[in-house]
Amino acid sequence: MEYNLADLFESVVDVVPDREALVYIDHPGTGAERRLTYAELDAAANRIAHHLIDSGIGPGEHLGLHLFNGIEYLQTVLACLKARVVPVNVNYRYVEEELVYLYNDADLVALVFDAEFTERVAAALPQTPKLRHLLRVGGAAPEGVTEPAIAPVAYARAEASGSAARGFAPRSADDQFIIYTGGTTGMPKGVMWRQEDLFFAGLFGGEPSGEPVKRPEELAERVAKGGAGITFFPAPPLMHGTSTLTSFIAFNYGQRVVIHRKYAPEELLRTIEAEKVSSVSLVGDAMLRPLIDALHGPLKGTDLSSLFSVSSSGAIMSETVRAQFQALAPNVLLLNNFGSSESGSNGRATDDSGPEKGFRLQVNERTQVVDVVTHEPVPVGVTGRLAQRGHVPLGYYNDPGKTAETFFQKGDERWVLLGDMATVDEDGIVTVLGRGSQCINTGGEKVYPEEVEQALKSHPDVYDALVAGVPDAKWGNHVAAVVQIRAGAAQLSLDEIQTHCRNRLAGYKIPRQLVIAQEIQRSPSGKADYRWARGVASDAAQG
């Protein structure tokens, strides 16, 4: 047995087959829910895995998951792992142009998608020649929507046709798992993980709070000795790597995962009470603040006694919002985790992390702050870049140039150079200063200015544009556009800009603020002055 995620999952199934593994709740109280034991989830994944194999999808080929949260998402990921097909997450907010890029960049040969995305899939399909097999979840296409050129197979029919038994070829620790994340140029990048490396870097080696396992068989041995009783609730979309990895952390414990189709604060609180949820993962203030509002309002008095922790990845829970939640749930542990698709977990914010001292991290032993050029550790107080060694990805799929910039060899160890600038103090505490790029983090989503600028400049009345992030109480930051209008053109409104961008960008990338400038400020060489743009936009927002 190797450190292969499918092998490890099956080893857990074999020791706790009748334990509840996965609960899907569409809207609590409506009866729209499904519950699967470990044995039932294993059999369901086997059926889809056999369907993929029978359909000619071979080991190492790539399958995209263009889905909302649901049983089918995790079932399909497991099916891919069992069949040695590489799962690839697809951001369901993407529109046609973005989907065409990702489908092609990832070399997708198969796609599992929700019925409501049929129109987008059909539009992208003629431009994605390698995509040859479609599975549709949730029934027929909406009325009036054109079907894709390749007839989709109904997911339920595919599941019914496949064998529930295992009987798969041997797997390897080298089998891959790809997580697509935003790139510094605005285009998404596929982070290629060996499953063994992902198990230790992203899944804590089977033990987030203690010693990682020392051999693959030890995972099931630990599960067999422990009991049930822990329920994990990943609230963000599973198409974000963090939520899928949270689910696998729970599976490695032999514990239970609860998911909703979409994030709904009041429903989440009802589910915490009804299902006795132990741990909720979410994305920063944008998801925590609505919980606070609900607890002050219609869900006041909700029983949170089962809840042990609320953790955030992808965006920070601010000190103010944390304090507000803590007043309502004083016994709940609030954790700001820090990591990335390229590194897995790097560490966790210290208790004194906040506005006065900055975002301070207790990092793991594999994380250092290094000089960008020499890759040597920086002295105390000197700014460098966060880097991680050991169990790191192989690189970016289809991007050798960016791989060479980000991953390096030092001695006999492989390293990844992250985009975050930081310093380290005498006690080894790391203070994160911010992204080296101009990435905007809005509600946990990554938005890169260059991509939005290109969409803005395609408007006939826009002469030049810069995009920056502006602090926002709800989203952490919002996307602000500073625009110079062409001479003689009519005045532009925010509504007009948003309408123009809507067919070119996912919704979260569309500017929420527009500032008209007489002239865009750039350096003599033409380089963007993002500090100026951010200042102009921030002043306008405050004024």
Protein backbone atom coordinates (compact mmCIF):
# COMPACT_ATOMS: atom_id res chain seq x y z
CA MET A 1 0.00 0.00 0.00
CA GLU A 2 1.25 3.50 -0.89
CA TYR A 3 0.23 7.01 0.09
CA ASN A 4 -2.47 7.08 -2.56
CA LEU A 5 -5.69 8.92 -1.62
CA ALA A 6 -7.99 6.24 -3.04
CA ASP A 7 -6.09 3.44 -1.30
CA LEU A 8 -6.17 5.37 1.97
CA PHE A 9 -9.90 6.06 1.67
CA GLU A 10 -10.65 2.41 0.96
CA SER A 11 -8.59 1.36 3.98
CA VAL A 12 -10.78 3.59 6.17
CA VAL A 13 -13.98 2.23 4.57
CA ASP A 14 -12.91 -1.31 5.42
CA VAL A 15 -12.67 -0.59 9.16
CA VAL A 16 -15.78 1.65 9.57
CA PRO A 17 -18.10 0.65 6.67
CA ASP A 18 -21.34 1.39 8.53
CA ARG A 19 -20.30 4.76 9.92
CA GLU A 20 -22.00 7.81 8.36
CA ALA A 21 -19.55 9.53 6.00
CA LEU A 22 -21.38 12.20 4.02
CA VAL A 23 -24.58 14.20 4.52
CA TYR A 24 -25.92 16.51 1.82
CA ILE A 25 -28.63 19.01 2.76
CA ASP A 26 -30.13 21.23 0.09
CA HIS A 27 -32.41 23.27 2.34
CA PRO A 28 -32.81 22.07 5.94
CA GLY A 29 -36.38 21.24 6.83
CA THR A 30 -37.45 20.48 3.26
CA GLY A 31 -36.44 16.84 3.31
CA ALA A 32 -34.04 17.39 0.41
CA GLU A 33 -31.12 15.51 1.88
CA ARG A 34 -29.01 12.39 1.31
CA ARG A 35 -26.94 10.39 3.76
CA LEU A 36 -24.26 7.88 2.84
CA THR A 37 -22.24 5.55 5.03
CA TYR A 38 -18.60 4.91 4.21
CA ALA A 39 -19.56 1.67 2.45
CA GLU A 40 -22.30 3.39 0.46
CA LEU A 41 -20.04 6.27 -0.59
CA ASP A 42 -17.33 3.79 -1.58
CA ALA A 43 -19.78 1.79 -3.73
CA ALA A 44 -21.19 4.95 -5.33
CA ALA A 45 -17.68 6.13 -6.23
CA ASN A 46 -16.84 2.68 -7.60
CA ARG A 47 -19.82 2.85 -9.95
CA ILE A 48 -18.73 6.18 -11.45
CA ALA A 49 -15.11 5.01 -11.63
CA HIS A 50 -16.13 1.94 -13.63
CA HIS A 51 -18.28 4.11 -15.90
CA LEU A 52 -15.27 6.32 -16.64
CA ILE A 53 -13.08 3.31 -17.40
CA ASP A 54 -15.80 1.73 -19.56
CA SER A 55 -16.12 5.05 -21.43
CA GLY A 56 -12.45 4.99 -22.37
CA ILE A 57 -11.17 7.56 -19.87
CA GLY A 58 -7.69 6.29 -19.07
CA PRO A 59 -5.15 6.70 -16.25
CA GLY A 60 -3.56 10.15 -16.23
CA GLU A 61 -6.31 11.78 -18.32
CA HIS A 62 -8.06 14.84 -16.90
CA LEU A 63 -11.70 15.21 -15.82
CA GLY A 64 -13.23 18.56 -14.89
CA LEU A 65 -15.74 19.06 -12.07
CA HIS A 66 -18.05 21.93 -13.04
CA LEU A 67 -20.45 21.53 -10.13
CA PHE A 68 -22.11 23.13 -7.18
CA ASN A 69 -21.68 21.33 -3.86
CA GLY A 70 -23.33 17.95 -3.69
CA ILE A 71 -22.78 14.25 -3.12
CA GLU A 72 -21.76 13.98 -6.78
CA TYR A 73 -18.80 16.31 -6.34
CA LEU A 74 -16.98 14.23 -3.73
CA GLN A 75 -18.25 10.99 -5.27
CA THR A 76 -16.66 11.99 -8.59
CA VAL A 77 -13.37 13.05 -7.01
CA LEU A 78 -13.16 9.65 -5.32
CA ALA A 79 -14.13 7.92 -8.58
CA CYS A 80 -11.32 9.71 -10.41
CA LEU A 81 -8.80 8.73 -7.77
CA LYS A 82 -9.95 5.10 -7.88
CA ALA A 83 -9.66 4.98 -11.71
CA ARG A 84 -6.36 6.95 -11.73
CA VAL A 85 -8.08 9.76 -13.64
CA VAL A 86 -6.90 13.23 -12.59
CA PRO A 87 -9.65 15.42 -11.06
CA VAL A 88 -9.60 19.12 -12.01
CA ASN A 89 -11.73 21.73 -10.24
CA VAL A 90 -13.65 24.22 -12.42
CA ASN A 91 -14.86 27.54 -11.06
CA TYR A 92 -18.61 27.45 -11.71
CA ARG A 93 -18.71 31.25 -11.87
CA TYR A 94 -16.66 31.30 -15.05
CA VAL A 95 -18.32 32.43 -18.26
CA GLU A 96 -17.66 31.09 -21.75
CA GLU A 97 -14.27 32.72 -22.45
CA GLU A 98 -12.86 31.68 -19.11
CA LEU A 99 -14.21 28.15 -19.43
CA VAL A 100 -12.71 27.72 -22.88
CA TYR A 101 -9.32 28.75 -21.49
CA LEU A 102 -9.48 26.42 -18.51
CA TYR A 103 -10.91 23.42 -20.39
CA ASN A 104 -8.11 23.73 -22.96
CA ASP A 105 -5.31 24.61 -20.56
CA ALA A 106 -6.19 21.60 -18.39
CA ASP A 107 -6.50 19.27 -21.39
CA LEU A 108 -9.87 18.05 -20.15
CA VAL A 109 -11.16 14.92 -21.90
CA ALA A 110 -14.21 14.52 -19.65
CA LEU A 111 -16.48 16.87 -17.74
CA VAL A 112 -19.07 16.39 -15.00
CA PHE A 113 -21.39 19.41 -14.80
CA ASP A 114 -24.63 20.55 -13.21
CA ALA A 115 -27.63 20.81 -15.54
CA GLU A 116 -27.95 24.55 -15.02
CA PHE A 117 -24.52 25.04 -16.62
CA THR A 118 -25.61 23.30 -19.83
CA GLU A 119 -25.72 26.51 -21.87
CA ARG A 120 -22.17 27.53 -20.89
CA VAL A 121 -20.83 24.04 -21.53
CA ALA A 122 -22.54 23.90 -24.92
CA ALA A 123 -21.04 27.27 -25.89
CA ALA A 124 -17.51 26.30 -24.83
CA LEU A 125 -17.53 22.77 -26.27
CA PRO A 126 -16.87 23.64 -29.97
CA GLN A 127 -13.70 25.44 -28.87
CA THR A 128 -12.38 22.58 -26.72
CA PRO A 129 -11.48 19.75 -29.13
CA LYS A 130 -10.04 17.33 -26.55
CA LEU A 131 -13.25 17.21 -24.48
CA ARG A 132 -15.03 14.01 -25.54
CA HIS A 133 -17.19 12.75 -22.67
CA LEU A 134 -19.86 14.60 -20.66
CA LEU A 135 -21.78 13.61 -17.52
CA ARG A 136 -24.69 15.80 -16.46
CA VAL A 137 -25.94 15.98 -12.88
CA GLY A 138 -29.50 16.93 -12.05
CA GLY A 139 -31.61 15.84 -14.98
CA ALA A 140 -32.26 17.42 -18.36
CA ALA A 141 -31.13 20.83 -19.54
CA PRO A 142 -33.34 23.79 -18.60
CA GLU A 143 -36.17 24.40 -21.05
CA GLY A 144 -35.10 26.28 -24.17
CA VAL A 145 -31.37 25.71 -23.64
CA THR A 146 -29.40 24.24 -26.55
CA GLU A 147 -27.83 20.87 -25.82
CA PRO A 148 -24.05 20.39 -26.19
CA ALA A 149 -22.79 18.90 -29.46
CA ILE A 150 -21.71 15.82 -27.49
CA ALA A 151 -24.75 14.22 -25.86
CA PRO A 152 -24.28 14.24 -22.07
CA VAL A 153 -24.78 11.01 -20.14
CA ALA A 154 -27.14 11.39 -17.20
CA TYR A 155 -25.12 11.01 -14.01
CA ALA A 156 -27.77 8.77 -12.46
CA ARG A 157 -27.66 6.47 -15.51
CA ALA A 158 -23.86 6.34 -15.43
CA GLU A 159 -23.96 5.43 -11.75
CA ALA A 160 -26.57 2.72 -12.31
CA SER A 161 -24.54 1.17 -15.12
CA GLY A 162 -21.25 0.86 -13.24
CA SER A 163 -20.19 -1.96 -10.94
CA ALA A 164 -20.29 -1.28 -7.20
CA ALA A 165 -17.26 -3.52 -6.67
CA ARG A 166 -13.68 -2.30 -6.61
CA GLY A 167 -11.51 -4.42 -8.86
CA PHE A 168 -9.25 -1.57 -9.99
CA ALA A 169 -5.67 -1.70 -11.21
CA PRO A 170 -2.90 -0.92 -8.70
CA ARG A 171 -2.42 2.74 -7.92
CA SER A 172 0.61 4.83 -7.05
CA ALA A 173 1.72 7.60 -4.71
CA ASP A 174 2.75 9.37 -7.92
CA ASP A 175 -0.85 9.58 -9.20
CA GLN A 176 -1.76 13.22 -9.63
CA PHE A 177 -4.34 15.62 -8.22
CA ILE A 178 -4.62 19.05 -9.91
CA ILE A 179 -5.96 22.15 -8.17
CA TYR A 180 -6.61 25.16 -10.40
CA THR A 181 -5.93 28.52 -8.83
CA GLY A 182 -5.65 32.10 -10.10
CA GLY A 183 -2.40 33.13 -11.80
CA THR A 184 -0.40 36.35 -11.56
CA THR A 185 -1.42 37.26 -15.11
CA GLY A 186 -5.05 36.69 -14.27
CA MET A 187 -5.31 33.33 -15.99
CA PRO A 188 -5.87 30.27 -13.77
CA LYS A 189 -2.98 27.86 -13.21
CA GLY A 190 -3.20 24.14 -12.50
CA VAL A 191 -1.11 23.12 -9.50
CA MET A 192 0.10 19.53 -10.02
CA TRP A 193 0.36 17.49 -6.84
CA ARG A 194 1.63 13.98 -6.35
CA GLN A 195 -0.92 12.39 -4.06
CA GLU A 196 1.68 11.46 -1.45
CA ASP A 197 2.85 15.07 -1.28
CA LEU A 198 -0.73 16.35 -1.05
CA PHE A 199 -1.48 13.87 1.74
CA PHE A 200 1.31 15.27 3.90
CA ALA A 201 1.20 18.96 2.89
CA GLY A 202 -2.55 19.48 2.46
CA LEU A 203 -4.04 16.72 4.62
CA PHE A 204 -1.52 16.86 7.48
CA GLY A 205 -0.39 13.29 6.99
CA GLY A 206 -3.70 12.07 8.42
CA GLU A 207 -3.31 13.92 11.73
CA PRO A 208 -3.77 17.75 11.83
CA SER A 209 -3.24 17.97 15.59
CA GLY A 210 -0.43 15.49 16.15
CA GLU A 211 2.14 13.20 14.55
CA PRO A 212 1.56 12.29 10.89
CA VAL A 213 1.29 8.60 10.13
CA LYS A 214 4.59 6.84 9.45
CA ARG A 215 3.17 4.24 7.05
CA PRO A 216 -0.03 4.13 4.97
CA GLU A 217 -1.59 1.25 6.93
CA GLU A 218 -1.41 3.28 10.13
CA LEU A 219 -4.22 5.59 8.97
CA ALA A 220 -6.90 2.88 9.15
CA GLU A 221 -5.40 1.48 12.35
CA ARG A 222 -5.90 4.86 14.03
CA VAL A 223 -9.47 5.13 12.72
CA ALA A 224 -10.29 1.63 13.99
CA LYS A 225 -9.15 2.58 17.49
CA GLY A 226 -11.09 5.86 17.56
CA GLY A 227 -14.79 6.55 17.64
CA ALA A 228 -17.24 8.62 15.66
CA GLY A 229 -18.62 11.94 16.85
CA ILE A 230 -16.82 14.67 14.88
CA THR A 231 -18.72 16.43 12.10
CA PHE A 232 -16.94 18.70 9.62
CA PHE A 233 -18.82 21.35 7.64
CA PRO A 234 -16.88 22.93 4.73
CA ALA A 235 -19.08 25.93 3.95
CA PRO A 236 -17.32 27.31 0.83
CA PRO A 237 -17.77 25.73 -2.62
CA LEU A 238 -16.02 22.39 -3.04
CA MET A 239 -14.54 23.75 -6.28
CA HIS A 240 -12.15 25.65 -4.02
CA GLY A 241 -9.37 23.29 -3.04
CA THR A 242 -9.69 24.06 0.67
CA SER A 243 -13.21 22.63 0.98
CA THR A 244 -12.40 19.43 -0.87
CA LEU A 245 -9.26 18.95 1.22
CA THR A 246 -11.26 19.60 4.41
CA SER A 247 -13.60 16.78 3.37
CA PHE A 248 -10.67 14.43 2.85
CA ILE A 249 -9.22 15.37 6.23
CA ALA A 250 -12.54 14.23 7.72
CA PHE A 251 -12.46 11.00 5.70
CA ASN A 252 -8.93 10.30 6.90
CA TYR A 253 -10.29 10.57 10.45
CA GLY A 254 -13.21 8.27 9.64
CA GLN A 255 -15.55 11.10 10.58
CA ARG A 256 -18.57 12.78 9.00
CA VAL A 257 -18.83 15.57 6.41
CA VAL A 258 -21.92 17.75 6.03
CA ILE A 259 -22.37 19.96 2.97
CA HIS A 260 -24.94 22.40 1.59
CA ARG A 261 -25.44 23.10 -2.10
CA LYS A 262 -24.78 26.81 -1.59
CA TYR A 263 -23.78 29.01 1.31
CA ALA A 264 -26.84 30.24 3.21
CA PRO A 265 -26.01 31.65 6.67
CA GLU A 266 -29.33 30.92 8.38
CA GLU A 267 -29.48 27.40 6.97
CA LEU A 268 -25.89 26.76 8.04
CA LEU A 269 -26.75 27.70 11.63
CA ARG A 270 -29.82 25.45 11.59
CA THR A 271 -27.65 22.59 10.35
CA ILE A 272 -25.01 23.18 13.03
CA GLU A 273 -27.74 22.76 15.63
CA ALA A 274 -29.55 19.83 13.98
CA GLU A 275 -26.47 17.82 12.94
CA LYS A 276 -24.31 18.69 15.97
CA VAL A 277 -21.55 20.09 13.76
CA SER A 278 -18.12 20.21 15.40
CA SER A 279 -16.01 22.20 12.95
CA VAL A 280 -16.95 24.77 10.29
CA SER A 281 -14.53 26.04 7.66
CA LEU A 282 -15.29 29.24 5.80
CA VAL A 283 -13.68 32.19 4.01
CA GLY A 284 -13.07 35.30 6.10
CA ASP A 285 -15.43 38.08 7.14
CA ALA A 286 -17.56 37.73 4.02
CA MET A 287 -18.88 34.43 5.36
CA LEU A 288 -18.54 35.02 9.12
CA ARG A 289 -20.31 38.39 9.28
CA PRO A 290 -23.66 37.04 7.90
CA LEU A 291 -23.57 34.35 10.61
CA ILE A 292 -23.26 37.08 13.23
CA ASP A 293 -26.17 39.01 11.69
CA ALA A 294 -28.32 35.87 11.73
CA LEU A 295 -27.41 35.12 15.35
CA HIS A 296 -28.43 38.66 16.32
CA GLY A 297 -31.65 38.32 14.34
CA PRO A 298 -33.80 35.38 13.22
CA LEU A 299 -31.44 32.68 14.51
CA LYS A 300 -30.90 34.22 17.92
CA GLY A 301 -30.59 31.48 20.52
CA THR A 302 -29.32 28.81 18.10
CA ASP A 303 -27.67 25.99 20.02
CA LEU A 304 -23.96 26.09 19.13
CA SER A 305 -22.84 23.85 21.98
CA SER A 306 -21.54 21.16 19.60
CA LEU A 307 -19.35 23.64 17.71
CA PHE A 308 -15.69 23.40 18.64
CA SER A 309 -13.98 25.49 15.95
CA VAL A 310 -14.53 27.88 13.06
CA SER A 311 -11.57 28.17 10.73
CA SER A 312 -10.88 30.42 7.80
CA SER A 313 -8.66 29.81 4.80
CA GLY A 314 -8.29 31.99 1.71
CA ALA A 315 -9.17 35.21 3.57
CA ILE A 316 -8.66 36.51 7.07
CA MET A 317 -11.30 36.84 9.75
CA SER A 318 -10.67 40.36 11.00
CA GLU A 319 -10.14 41.09 14.67
CA THR A 320 -13.38 43.11 14.87
CA VAL A 321 -15.58 40.42 13.32
CA ARG A 322 -13.89 37.68 15.33
CA ALA A 323 -14.65 39.59 18.54
CA GLN A 324 -18.30 39.97 17.52
CA PHE A 325 -18.65 36.25 16.91
CA GLN A 326 -16.74 35.35 20.06
CA ALA A 327 -19.22 37.38 22.12
CA LEU A 328 -22.00 35.19 20.75
CA ALA A 329 -20.10 31.91 20.94
CA PRO A 330 -17.40 32.30 23.62
CA ASN A 331 -16.46 28.62 23.67
CA VAL A 332 -15.76 28.33 19.93
CA LEU A 333 -12.15 28.38 18.81
CA LEU A 334 -11.57 30.80 15.90
CA LEU A 335 -8.64 29.89 13.64
CA ASN A 336 -7.10 31.91 10.84
CA ASN A 337 -5.24 29.29 8.81
CA PHE A 338 -2.65 30.20 6.22
CA GLY A 339 -1.77 28.23 3.13
CA SER A 340 -2.14 28.05 -0.61
CA SER A 341 -2.84 25.70 -3.47
CA GLU A 342 0.92 25.61 -4.07
CA SER A 343 1.96 24.77 -0.52
CA GLY A 344 -0.89 23.20 1.39
CA SER A 345 -0.76 24.42 4.98
CA ASN A 346 1.93 26.88 6.10
CA GLY A 347 0.72 27.73 9.56
CA ARG A 348 -1.83 29.54 11.67
CA ALA A 349 -2.24 33.12 12.88
CA THR A 350 -1.05 33.85 16.40
CA ASP A 351 -3.43 35.08 19.09
CA ASP A 352 -1.90 38.56 18.96
CA SER A 353 -2.25 38.84 15.20
CA GLY A 354 -4.22 41.96 14.33
CA PRO A 355 -4.14 45.60 13.23
CA GLU A 356 -1.45 46.66 15.68
CA LYS A 357 1.12 43.93 15.04
CA GLY A 358 0.07 42.76 11.60
CA PHE A 359 -0.85 39.33 10.35
CA ARG A 360 1.47 37.09 12.37
CA LEU A 361 1.93 33.38 11.74
CA GLN A 362 3.25 30.43 13.68
CA VAL A 363 4.57 28.56 10.65
CA ASN A 364 5.36 24.87 10.36
CA GLU A 365 8.92 23.58 10.22
CA ARG A 366 8.87 23.34 6.43
CA THR A 367 8.14 27.07 5.90
CA GLN A 368 10.77 29.81 5.78
CA VAL A 369 11.14 33.42 4.66
CA VAL A 370 13.83 33.47 1.98
CA ASP A 371 15.65 35.89 -0.27
CA VAL A 372 14.01 35.91 -3.69
CA VAL A 373 17.34 35.67 -5.54
CA THR A 374 19.56 33.47 -3.35
CA HIS A 375 16.73 31.43 -1.76
CA GLU A 376 18.62 31.63 1.53
CA PRO A 377 16.78 32.45 4.78
CA VAL A 378 16.58 36.20 5.39
CA PRO A 379 17.90 37.75 8.63
CA VAL A 380 15.47 38.82 11.34
CA GLY A 381 13.43 41.82 10.23
CA VAL A 382 14.46 41.67 6.57
CA THR A 383 11.71 41.33 3.97
CA GLY A 384 11.68 38.19 1.87
CA ARG A 385 9.24 35.75 0.32
CA LEU A 386 7.53 32.85 2.02
CA ALA A 387 8.78 29.50 0.77
CA GLN A 388 8.07 25.89 1.65
CA ARG A 389 10.15 22.76 1.22
CA GLY A 390 9.65 19.02 1.13
CA HIS A 391 6.19 17.89 0.12
CA VAL A 392 5.48 20.50 -2.58
CA PRO A 393 3.80 20.27 -6.00
CA LEU A 394 5.51 19.18 -9.20
CA GLY A 395 4.74 22.54 -10.80
CA TYR A 396 2.06 24.21 -12.88
CA TYR A 397 0.37 22.18 -15.57
CA ASN A 398 1.19 23.37 -19.09
CA ASP A 399 3.31 26.27 -17.80
CA PRO A 400 7.04 25.45 -17.64
CA GLY A 401 7.96 29.14 -17.47
CA LYS A 402 5.90 29.89 -14.38
CA THR A 403 7.00 26.56 -12.88
CA ALA A 404 10.65 27.60 -13.22
CA GLU A 405 9.88 30.93 -11.52
CA THR A 406 8.02 29.40 -8.60
CA PHE A 407 9.65 26.02 -7.86
CA PHE A 408 13.32 25.42 -7.21
CA GLN A 409 15.73 22.77 -6.00
CA LYS A 410 17.97 23.44 -3.01
CA GLY A 411 20.25 20.59 -2.06
CA ASP A 412 18.23 17.41 -2.24
CA GLU A 413 14.92 19.14 -1.47
CA ARG A 414 12.31 20.72 -3.71
CA TRP A 415 10.96 24.13 -2.71
CA VAL A 416 8.07 26.37 -3.74
CA LEU A 417 8.42 30.17 -3.63
CA LEU A 418 5.09 31.69 -2.63
CA GLY A 419 3.79 35.11 -3.63
CA ASP A 420 3.59 36.51 -0.10
CA MET A 421 6.16 38.97 1.17
CA ALA A 422 7.04 38.55 4.85
CA THR A 423 9.51 39.10 7.67
CA VAL A 424 10.50 36.84 10.57
CA ASP A 425 11.30 37.80 14.18
CA GLU A 426 13.65 36.36 16.79
CA ASP A 427 11.05 33.83 17.92
CA GLY A 428 10.45 32.54 14.40
CA ILE A 429 7.06 34.28 14.10
CA VAL A 430 6.39 35.35 10.52
CA THR A 431 4.60 38.60 9.70
CA VAL A 432 2.95 38.50 6.29
CA LEU A 433 3.16 41.86 4.51
CA GLY A 434 1.06 41.10 1.44
CA ARG A 435 1.17 39.63 -2.02
CA GLY A 436 4.12 40.40 -4.20
CA SER A 437 1.66 40.79 -7.06
CA GLN A 438 -1.37 43.04 -7.04
CA CYS A 439 -3.82 40.22 -6.35
CA ILE A 440 -7.17 41.39 -4.97
CA ASN A 441 -8.76 39.04 -2.44
CA THR A 442 -12.49 39.69 -2.45
CA GLY A 443 -14.62 37.35 -0.35
CA GLY A 444 -11.96 34.64 -0.65
CA GLU A 445 -11.84 34.83 -4.46
CA LYS A 446 -8.65 35.90 -6.21
CA VAL A 447 -8.96 38.70 -8.75
CA TYR A 448 -6.02 39.91 -10.79
CA PRO A 449 -6.09 43.49 -12.12
CA GLU A 450 -4.67 42.73 -15.56
CA GLU A 451 -7.57 40.48 -16.51
CA VAL A 452 -10.22 42.99 -15.45
CA GLU A 453 -8.31 45.81 -17.18
CA GLN A 454 -8.40 43.94 -20.45
CA ALA A 455 -12.17 43.56 -20.17
CA LEU A 456 -12.55 47.27 -19.39
CA LYS A 457 -10.36 48.32 -22.29
CA SER A 458 -12.49 46.33 -24.69
CA HIS A 459 -15.23 48.92 -24.09
CA PRO A 460 -15.19 51.39 -26.99
CA ASP A 461 -15.25 54.44 -24.72
CA VAL A 462 -12.45 53.36 -22.37
CA TYR A 463 -9.03 54.77 -23.24
CA ASP A 464 -7.07 53.37 -20.29
CA ALA A 465 -7.82 51.67 -17.01
CA LEU A 466 -6.24 50.38 -13.84
CA VAL A 467 -7.84 48.10 -11.28
CA ALA A 468 -7.12 47.92 -7.55
CA GLY A 469 -8.56 46.47 -4.38
CA VAL A 470 -10.27 48.79 -1.91
CA PRO A 471 -11.01 47.76 1.71
CA ASP A 472 -14.60 46.64 2.12
CA ALA A 473 -16.42 45.77 5.34
CA LYS A 474 -18.30 42.88 3.75
CA TRP A 475 -15.87 41.40 1.19
CA GLY A 476 -12.49 42.26 2.72
CA ASN A 477 -11.72 44.14 -0.50
CA HIS A 478 -13.81 45.07 -3.49
CA VAL A 479 -12.70 45.51 -7.09
CA ALA A 480 -12.38 49.17 -8.07
CA ALA A 481 -11.85 50.42 -11.63
CA VAL A 482 -10.06 53.70 -12.31
CA VAL A 483 -10.92 54.61 -15.89
CA GLN A 484 -9.80 57.26 -18.37
CA ILE A 485 -12.50 57.91 -20.98
CA ARG A 486 -11.68 58.43 -24.64
CA ALA A 487 -11.77 62.03 -25.83
CA GLY A 488 -15.23 62.99 -26.98
CA ALA A 489 -16.89 59.93 -25.49
CA ALA A 490 -19.93 60.13 -23.27
CA GLN A 491 -19.63 59.79 -19.52
CA LEU A 492 -19.60 56.18 -18.33
CA SER A 493 -21.63 54.84 -15.43
CA LEU A 494 -20.86 51.95 -13.11
CA ASP A 495 -23.95 50.11 -14.41
CA GLU A 496 -22.70 50.39 -17.99
CA ILE A 497 -19.23 49.12 -17.05
CA GLN A 498 -20.71 46.21 -15.10
CA THR A 499 -23.01 45.26 -17.98
CA HIS A 500 -20.06 45.35 -20.38
CA CYS A 501 -17.96 43.10 -18.14
CA ARG A 502 -20.70 40.64 -17.29
CA ASN A 503 -20.22 38.48 -20.40
CA ARG A 504 -16.44 38.62 -20.13
CA LEU A 505 -15.75 37.97 -16.47
CA ALA A 506 -17.08 35.92 -13.59
CA GLY A 507 -19.36 37.92 -11.33
CA TYR A 508 -16.89 38.35 -8.48
CA LYS A 509 -14.36 39.98 -10.86
CA ILE A 510 -16.75 42.71 -12.04
CA PRO A 511 -15.88 46.15 -10.55
CA ARG A 512 -18.08 47.31 -7.69
CA GLN A 513 -16.71 50.85 -7.87
CA LEU A 514 -15.91 53.15 -10.79
CA VAL A 515 -13.71 56.24 -10.61
CA ILE A 516 -13.34 58.45 -13.69
CA ALA A 517 -9.84 59.97 -13.88
CA GLN A 518 -8.68 62.71 -16.21
CA GLU A 519 -5.55 60.69 -16.94
CA ILE A 520 -4.23 57.32 -15.77
CA GLN A 521 -0.93 57.70 -13.96
CA ARG A 522 1.86 55.44 -15.20
CA SER A 523 5.64 55.43 -15.00
CA PRO A 524 7.64 56.87 -17.90
CA SER A 525 8.12 53.33 -19.21
CA GLY A 526 4.36 52.78 -19.20
CA LYS A 527 4.21 50.55 -16.13
CA ALA A 528 1.06 50.78 -14.06
CA ASP A 529 1.13 52.79 -10.85
CA TYR A 530 -1.13 50.62 -8.71
CA ARG A 531 -0.38 52.54 -5.53
CA TRP A 532 -1.81 55.65 -7.17
CA ALA A 533 -4.84 53.76 -8.46
CA ARG A 534 -5.54 52.26 -5.05
CA GLY A 535 -5.25 55.67 -3.38
CA VAL A 536 -7.58 57.33 -5.89
CA ALA A 537 -10.16 54.58 -5.50
CA SER A 538 -9.91 54.52 -1.70
CA ASP A 539 -10.32 58.30 -1.47
CA ALA A 540 -13.38 58.14 -3.71
CA ALA A 541 -14.90 55.34 -1.64
CA GLN A 542 -14.44 57.29 1.58
CA GLY A 543 -15.64 60.56 0.07
